[in-house]
Amino acid sequence: MAQEKSQPTRNDCVLEWMKRDGIAMTRENYLYLAYMGHPPSDEEWGAELEAMLPREFQLEGYDKEGSE
């Protein structure tokens, strides 16, 4: 079954790519690459998507309502 276009992969080839190519390890860079240049908007972002990020890029204190 094909993976949904807007979801980053869980086995994290994005992190491997960033490390291999010397891309700065930032949340912004990760989101840009994982979502092929089109990360979800703030309105679309929620706890489920936040939980899918590698721990080093997750926001502290992000709750179910999406506030920090």
PDB file of N, CA and C in Angstrom:
ATOM      1  N   MET A   1       0.844  -1.188   0.000  1.00  0.00           N
ATOM      2  CA  MET A   1       0.000   0.000   0.000  1.00  0.00           C
ATOM      3  C   MET A   1       0.889   1.251   0.000  1.00  0.00           C
ATOM      4  N   ALA A   2       0.599   2.199  -0.820  1.00  0.00           N
ATOM      5  CA  ALA A   2       1.391   3.431  -0.916  1.00  0.00           C
ATOM      6  C   ALA A   2       1.209   4.297   0.317  1.00  0.00           C
ATOM      7  N   GLN A   3       2.296   4.924   0.728  1.00  0.00           N
ATOM      8  CA  GLN A   3       2.234   5.813   1.887  1.00  0.00           C
ATOM      9  C   GLN A   3       1.625   7.141   1.465  1.00  0.00           C
ATOM     10  N   GLU A   4       0.845   7.733   2.358  1.00  0.00           N
ATOM     11  CA  GLU A   4       0.227   9.017   2.088  1.00  0.00           C
ATOM     12  C   GLU A   4       1.318  10.059   1.849  1.00  0.00           C
ATOM     13  N   LYS A   5       1.167  10.860   0.830  1.00  0.00           N
ATOM     14  CA  LYS A   5       2.192  11.814   0.402  1.00  0.00           C
ATOM     15  C   LYS A   5       2.633  12.780   1.496  1.00  0.00           C
ATOM     16  N   SER A   6       1.723  13.201   2.346  1.00  0.00           N
ATOM     17  CA  SER A   6       2.066  14.250   3.303  1.00  0.00           C
ATOM     18  C   SER A   6       2.654  13.745   4.609  1.00  0.00           C
ATOM     19  N   GLN A   7       2.884  12.436   4.740  1.00  0.00           N
ATOM     20  CA  GLN A   7       3.396  11.894   5.988  1.00  0.00           C
ATOM     21  C   GLN A   7       4.873  11.542   5.879  1.00  0.00           C
ATOM     22  N   PRO A   8       5.685  11.962   6.859  1.00  0.00           N
ATOM     23  CA  PRO A   8       7.091  11.554   6.839  1.00  0.00           C
ATOM     24  C   PRO A   8       7.183  10.068   7.184  1.00  0.00           C
ATOM     25  N   THR A   9       8.253   9.423   6.759  1.00  0.00           N
ATOM     26  CA  THR A   9       8.409   8.013   7.074  1.00  0.00           C
ATOM     27  C   THR A   9       8.908   7.837   8.496  1.00  0.00           C
ATOM     28  N   ARG A  10       8.551   6.724   9.076  1.00  0.00           N
ATOM     29  CA  ARG A  10       8.892   6.459  10.471  1.00  0.00           C
ATOM     30  C   ARG A  10      10.319   5.923  10.614  1.00  0.00           C
ATOM     31  N   ASN A  11      10.887   5.279   9.601  1.00  0.00           N
ATOM     32  CA  ASN A  11      12.228   4.696   9.712  1.00  0.00           C
ATOM     33  C   ASN A  11      13.328   5.724   9.506  1.00  0.00           C
ATOM     34  N   ASP A  12      13.080   6.821   9.487  1.00  0.00           N
ATOM     35  CA  ASP A  12      13.776   8.073   9.323  1.00  0.00           C
ATOM     36  C   ASP A  12      14.960   8.195   8.399  1.00  0.00           C
ATOM     37  N   CYS A  13      14.657   7.987   7.129  1.00  0.00           N
ATOM     38  CA  CYS A  13      15.647   8.246   6.094  1.00  0.00           C
ATOM     39  C   CYS A  13      15.927   9.745   6.009  1.00  0.00           C
ATOM     40  N   VAL A  14      15.010  10.570   6.495  1.00  0.00           N
ATOM     41  CA  VAL A  14      15.233  12.031   6.481  1.00  0.00           C
ATOM     42  C   VAL A  14      16.400  12.379   7.406  1.00  0.00           C
ATOM     43  N   LEU A  15      16.426  11.805   8.608  1.00  0.00           N
ATOM     44  CA  LEU A  15      17.549  12.055   9.522  1.00  0.00           C
ATOM     45  C   LEU A  15      18.858  11.560   8.917  1.00  0.00           C
ATOM     46  N   GLU A  16      18.815  10.394   8.304  1.00  0.00           N
ATOM     47  CA  GLU A  16      20.016   9.850   7.650  1.00  0.00           C
ATOM     48  C   GLU A  16      20.497  10.787   6.554  1.00  0.00           C
ATOM     49  N   TRP A  17      19.569  11.292   5.757  1.00  0.00           N
ATOM     50  CA  TRP A  17      19.892  12.221   4.670  1.00  0.00           C
ATOM     51  C   TRP A  17      20.531  13.489   5.235  1.00  0.00           C
ATOM     52  N   MET A  18      19.939  14.045   6.288  1.00  0.00           N
ATOM     53  CA  MET A  18      20.462  15.271   6.881  1.00  0.00           C
ATOM     54  C   MET A  18      21.885  15.060   7.388  1.00  0.00           C
ATOM     55  N   LYS A  19      22.112  13.940   8.079  1.00  0.00           N
ATOM     56  CA  LYS A  19      23.456  13.642   8.603  1.00  0.00           C
ATOM     57  C   LYS A  19      24.448  13.438   7.463  1.00  0.00           C
ATOM     58  N   ARG A  20      24.055  12.655   6.482  1.00  0.00           N
ATOM     59  CA  ARG A  20      24.950  12.333   5.358  1.00  0.00           C
ATOM     60  C   ARG A  20      25.364  13.577   4.581  1.00  0.00           C
ATOM     61  N   ASP A  21      24.413  14.497   4.355  1.00  0.00           N
ATOM     62  CA  ASP A  21      24.691  15.671   3.529  1.00  0.00           C
ATOM     63  C   ASP A  21      25.059  16.916   4.326  1.00  0.00           C
ATOM     64  N   GLY A  22      25.234  16.771   5.633  1.00  0.00           N
ATOM     65  CA  GLY A  22      25.656  17.904   6.457  1.00  0.00           C
ATOM     66  C   GLY A  22      24.608  18.997   6.580  1.00  0.00           C
ATOM     67  N   ILE A  23      23.336  18.625   6.503  1.00  0.00           N
ATOM     68  CA  ILE A  23      22.245  19.599   6.640  1.00  0.00           C
ATOM     69  C   ILE A  23      22.052  19.877   8.125  1.00  0.00           C
ATOM     70  N   ALA A  24      21.948  21.138   8.489  1.00  0.00           N
ATOM     71  CA  ALA A  24      21.780  21.509   9.896  1.00  0.00           C
ATOM     72  C   ALA A  24      20.585  20.771  10.498  1.00  0.00           C
ATOM     73  N   MET A  25      20.798  20.179  11.667  1.00  0.00           N
ATOM     74  CA  MET A  25      19.774  19.374  12.332  1.00  0.00           C
ATOM     75  C   MET A  25      18.814  20.282  13.100  1.00  0.00           C
ATOM     76  N   THR A  26      17.886  20.884  12.352  1.00  0.00           N
ATOM     77  CA  THR A  26      16.887  21.749  12.968  1.00  0.00           C
ATOM     78  C   THR A  26      15.494  21.209  12.664  1.00  0.00           C
ATOM     79  N   ARG A  27      14.546  21.580  13.502  1.00  0.00           N
ATOM     80  CA  ARG A  27      13.152  21.191  13.291  1.00  0.00           C
ATOM     81  C   ARG A  27      12.657  21.702  11.940  1.00  0.00           C
ATOM     82  N   GLU A  28      12.984  22.937  11.622  1.00  0.00           N
ATOM     83  CA  GLU A  28      12.532  23.550  10.378  1.00  0.00           C
ATOM     84  C   GLU A  28      13.062  22.789   9.164  1.00  0.00           C
ATOM     85  N   ASN A  29      14.348  22.447   9.171  1.00  0.00           N
ATOM     86  CA  ASN A  29      14.928  21.690   8.059  1.00  0.00           C
ATOM     87  C   ASN A  29      14.295  20.310   7.953  1.00  0.00           C
ATOM     88  N   TYR A  30      14.101  19.659   9.092  1.00  0.00           N
ATOM     89  CA  TYR A  30      13.498  18.326   9.084  1.00  0.00           C
ATOM     90  C   TYR A  30      12.096  18.376   8.470  1.00  0.00           C
ATOM     91  N   LEU A  31      11.271  19.302   8.929  1.00  0.00           N
ATOM     92  CA  LEU A  31       9.904  19.407   8.416  1.00  0.00           C
ATOM     93  C   LEU A  31       9.893  19.714   6.924  1.00  0.00           C
ATOM     94  N   TYR A  32      10.757  20.609   6.499  1.00  0.00           N
ATOM     95  CA  TYR A  32      10.828  20.970   5.080  1.00  0.00           C
ATOM     96  C   TYR A  32      11.154  19.743   4.228  1.00  0.00           C
ATOM     97  N   LEU A  33      12.147  18.980   4.659  1.00  0.00           N
ATOM     98  CA  LEU A  33      12.556  17.811   3.890  1.00  0.00           C
ATOM     99  C   LEU A  33      11.548  16.664   3.988  1.00  0.00           C
ATOM    100  N   ALA A  34      11.046  16.413   5.179  1.00  0.00           N
ATOM    101  CA  ALA A  34      10.121  15.291   5.386  1.00  0.00           C
ATOM    102  C   ALA A  34       8.825  15.472   4.615  1.00  0.00           C
ATOM    103  N   TYR A  35       8.405  16.714   4.460  1.00  0.00           N
ATOM    104  CA  TYR A  35       7.153  16.991   3.755  1.00  0.00           C
ATOM    105  C   TYR A  35       7.393  17.559   2.365  1.00  0.00           C
ATOM    106  N   MET A  36       8.576  17.292   1.813  1.00  0.00           N
ATOM    107  CA  MET A  36       8.936  17.672   0.446  1.00  0.00           C
ATOM    108  C   MET A  36       8.666  19.146   0.155  1.00  0.00           C
ATOM    109  N   GLY A  37       9.014  19.999   1.106  1.00  0.00           N
ATOM    110  CA  GLY A  37       8.876  21.437   0.896  1.00  0.00           C
ATOM    111  C   GLY A  37       7.523  22.012   1.247  1.00  0.00           C
ATOM    112  N   HIS A  38       6.584  21.163   1.665  1.00  0.00           N
ATOM    113  CA  HIS A  38       5.228  21.618   1.960  1.00  0.00           C
ATOM    114  C   HIS A  38       4.723  21.054   3.289  1.00  0.00           C
ATOM    115  N   PRO A  39       5.336  21.470   4.414  1.00  0.00           N
ATOM    116  CA  PRO A  39       4.870  20.952   5.705  1.00  0.00           C
ATOM    117  C   PRO A  39       3.450  21.427   6.005  1.00  0.00           C
ATOM    118  N   PRO A  40       2.729  20.693   6.846  1.00  0.00           N
ATOM    119  CA  PRO A  40       1.365  21.104   7.210  1.00  0.00           C
ATOM    120  C   PRO A  40       1.367  22.506   7.821  1.00  0.00           C
ATOM    121  N   SER A  41       0.281  23.215   7.627  1.00  0.00           N
ATOM    122  CA  SER A  41       0.146  24.545   8.219  1.00  0.00           C
ATOM    123  C   SER A  41      -0.057  24.399   9.726  1.00  0.00           C
ATOM    124  N   ASP A  42       0.044  25.499  10.441  1.00  0.00           N
ATOM    125  CA  ASP A  42      -0.194  25.484  11.885  1.00  0.00           C
ATOM    126  C   ASP A  42      -1.591  24.972  12.206  1.00  0.00           C
ATOM    127  N   GLU A  43      -2.552  25.286  11.348  1.00  0.00           N
ATOM    128  CA  GLU A  43      -3.931  24.851  11.563  1.00  0.00           C
ATOM    129  C   GLU A  43      -4.071  23.342  11.383  1.00  0.00           C
ATOM    130  N   GLU A  44      -3.265  22.764  10.490  1.00  0.00           N
ATOM    131  CA  GLU A  44      -3.318  21.320  10.227  1.00  0.00           C
ATOM    132  C   GLU A  44      -2.504  20.509  11.234  1.00  0.00           C
ATOM    133  N   TRP A  45      -1.568  21.170  11.902  1.00  0.00           N
ATOM    134  CA  TRP A  45      -0.656  20.482  12.810  1.00  0.00           C
ATOM    135  C   TRP A  45      -1.384  20.103  14.092  1.00  0.00           C
ATOM    136  N   GLY A  46      -1.108  18.914  14.584  1.00  0.00           N
ATOM    137  CA  GLY A  46      -1.737  18.465  15.813  1.00  0.00           C
ATOM    138  C   GLY A  46      -0.816  17.536  16.582  1.00  0.00           C
ATOM    139  N   ALA A  47      -1.309  17.046  17.692  1.00  0.00           N
ATOM    140  CA  ALA A  47      -0.517  16.183  18.569  1.00  0.00           C
ATOM    141  C   ALA A  47      -0.066  14.910  17.862  1.00  0.00           C
ATOM    142  N   GLU A  48      -0.912  14.365  16.982  1.00  0.00           N
ATOM    143  CA  GLU A  48      -0.556  13.136  16.274  1.00  0.00           C
ATOM    144  C   GLU A  48       0.658  13.358  15.373  1.00  0.00           C
ATOM    145  N   LEU A  49       0.670  14.452  14.617  1.00  0.00           N
ATOM    146  CA  LEU A  49       1.819  14.746  13.755  1.00  0.00           C
ATOM    147  C   LEU A  49       3.055  15.062  14.592  1.00  0.00           C
ATOM    148  N   GLU A  50       2.860  15.794  15.672  1.00  0.00           N
ATOM    149  CA  GLU A  50       3.979  16.131  16.561  1.00  0.00           C
ATOM    150  C   GLU A  50       4.625  14.856  17.094  1.00  0.00           C
ATOM    151  N   ALA A  51       3.810  13.888  17.469  1.00  0.00           N
ATOM    152  CA  ALA A  51       4.319  12.633  18.027  1.00  0.00           C
ATOM    153  C   ALA A  51       5.090  11.813  17.000  1.00  0.00           C
ATOM    154  N   MET A  52       4.858  12.056  15.722  1.00  0.00           N
ATOM    155  CA  MET A  52       5.559  11.320  14.665  1.00  0.00           C
ATOM    156  C   MET A  52       6.980  11.839  14.434  1.00  0.00           C
ATOM    157  N   LEU A  53       7.272  13.025  14.926  1.00  0.00           N
ATOM    158  CA  LEU A  53       8.604  13.598  14.728  1.00  0.00           C
ATOM    159  C   LEU A  53       9.626  12.888  15.606  1.00  0.00           C
ATOM    160  N   PRO A  54      10.891  12.850  15.165  1.00  0.00           N
ATOM    161  CA  PRO A  54      11.940  12.342  16.044  1.00  0.00           C
ATOM    162  C   PRO A  54      11.949  13.178  17.335  1.00  0.00           C
ATOM    163  N   ARG A  55      12.264  12.548  18.444  1.00  0.00           N
ATOM    164  CA  ARG A  55      12.220  13.237  19.747  1.00  0.00           C
ATOM    165  C   ARG A  55      12.990  14.560  19.755  1.00  0.00           C
ATOM    166  N   GLU A  56      14.124  14.597  19.082  1.00  0.00           N
ATOM    167  CA  GLU A  56      14.943  15.815  19.117  1.00  0.00           C
ATOM    168  C   GLU A  56      14.272  17.010  18.440  1.00  0.00           C
ATOM    169  N   PHE A  57      13.228  16.759  17.662  1.00  0.00           N
ATOM    170  CA  PHE A  57      12.529  17.847  16.980  1.00  0.00           C
ATOM    171  C   PHE A  57      11.136  18.115  17.541  1.00  0.00           C
ATOM    172  N   GLN A  58      10.700  17.343  18.514  1.00  0.00           N
ATOM    173  CA  GLN A  58       9.387  17.560  19.117  1.00  0.00           C
ATOM    174  C   GLN A  58       9.433  18.766  20.048  1.00  0.00           C
ATOM    175  N   LEU A  59       8.350  19.526  20.046  1.00  0.00           N
ATOM    176  CA  LEU A  59       8.247  20.670  20.940  1.00  0.00           C
ATOM    177  C   LEU A  59       7.918  20.176  22.344  1.00  0.00           C
ATOM    178  N   GLU A  60       8.566  20.743  23.338  1.00  0.00           N
ATOM    179  CA  GLU A  60       8.243  20.398  24.727  1.00  0.00           C
ATOM    180  C   GLU A  60       6.925  21.038  25.098  1.00  0.00           C
ATOM    181  N   GLY A  61       6.115  20.304  25.838  1.00  0.00           N
ATOM    182  CA  GLY A  61       4.861  20.861  26.320  1.00  0.00           C
ATOM    183  C   GLY A  61       3.755  20.908  25.287  1.00  0.00           C
ATOM    184  N   TYR A  62       3.940  20.255  24.141  1.00  0.00           N
ATOM    185  CA  TYR A  62       2.882  20.261  23.123  1.00  0.00           C
ATOM    186  C   TYR A  62       1.760  19.368  23.607  1.00  0.00           C
ATOM    187  N   ASP A  63       0.560  19.936  23.754  1.00  0.00           N
ATOM    188  CA  ASP A  63      -0.559  19.161  24.292  1.00  0.00           C
ATOM    189  C   ASP A  63      -1.558  18.782  23.208  1.00  0.00           C
ATOM    190  N   LYS A  64      -2.604  18.084  23.577  1.00  0.00           N
ATOM    191  CA  LYS A  64      -3.593  17.574  22.641  1.00  0.00           C
ATOM    192  C   LYS A  64      -4.311  18.661  21.861  1.00  0.00           C
ATOM    193  N   GLU A  65      -4.429  19.848  22.418  1.00  0.00           N
ATOM    194  CA  GLU A  65      -5.089  20.935  21.711  1.00  0.00           C
ATOM    195  C   GLU A  65      -4.161  21.646  20.743  1.00  0.00           C
ATOM    196  N   GLY A  66      -2.875  21.275  20.775  1.00  0.00           N
ATOM    197  CA  GLY A  66      -1.941  21.878  19.845  1.00  0.00           C
ATOM    198  C   GLY A  66      -1.293  23.151  20.348  1.00  0.00           C
ATOM    199  N   SER A  67      -1.514  23.476  21.605  1.00  0.00           N
ATOM    200  CA  SER A  67      -0.882  24.678  22.139  1.00  0.00           C
ATOM    201  C   SER A  67       0.380  24.287  22.885  1.00  0.00           C
ATOM    202  N   GLU A  68       1.258  25.257  23.043  1.00  0.00           N
ATOM    203  CA  GLU A  68       2.506  25.007  23.752  1.00  0.00           C
ATOM    204  C   GLU A  68       2.433  25.588  25.138  1.00  0.00           C
TER     205      GLU A  68
END
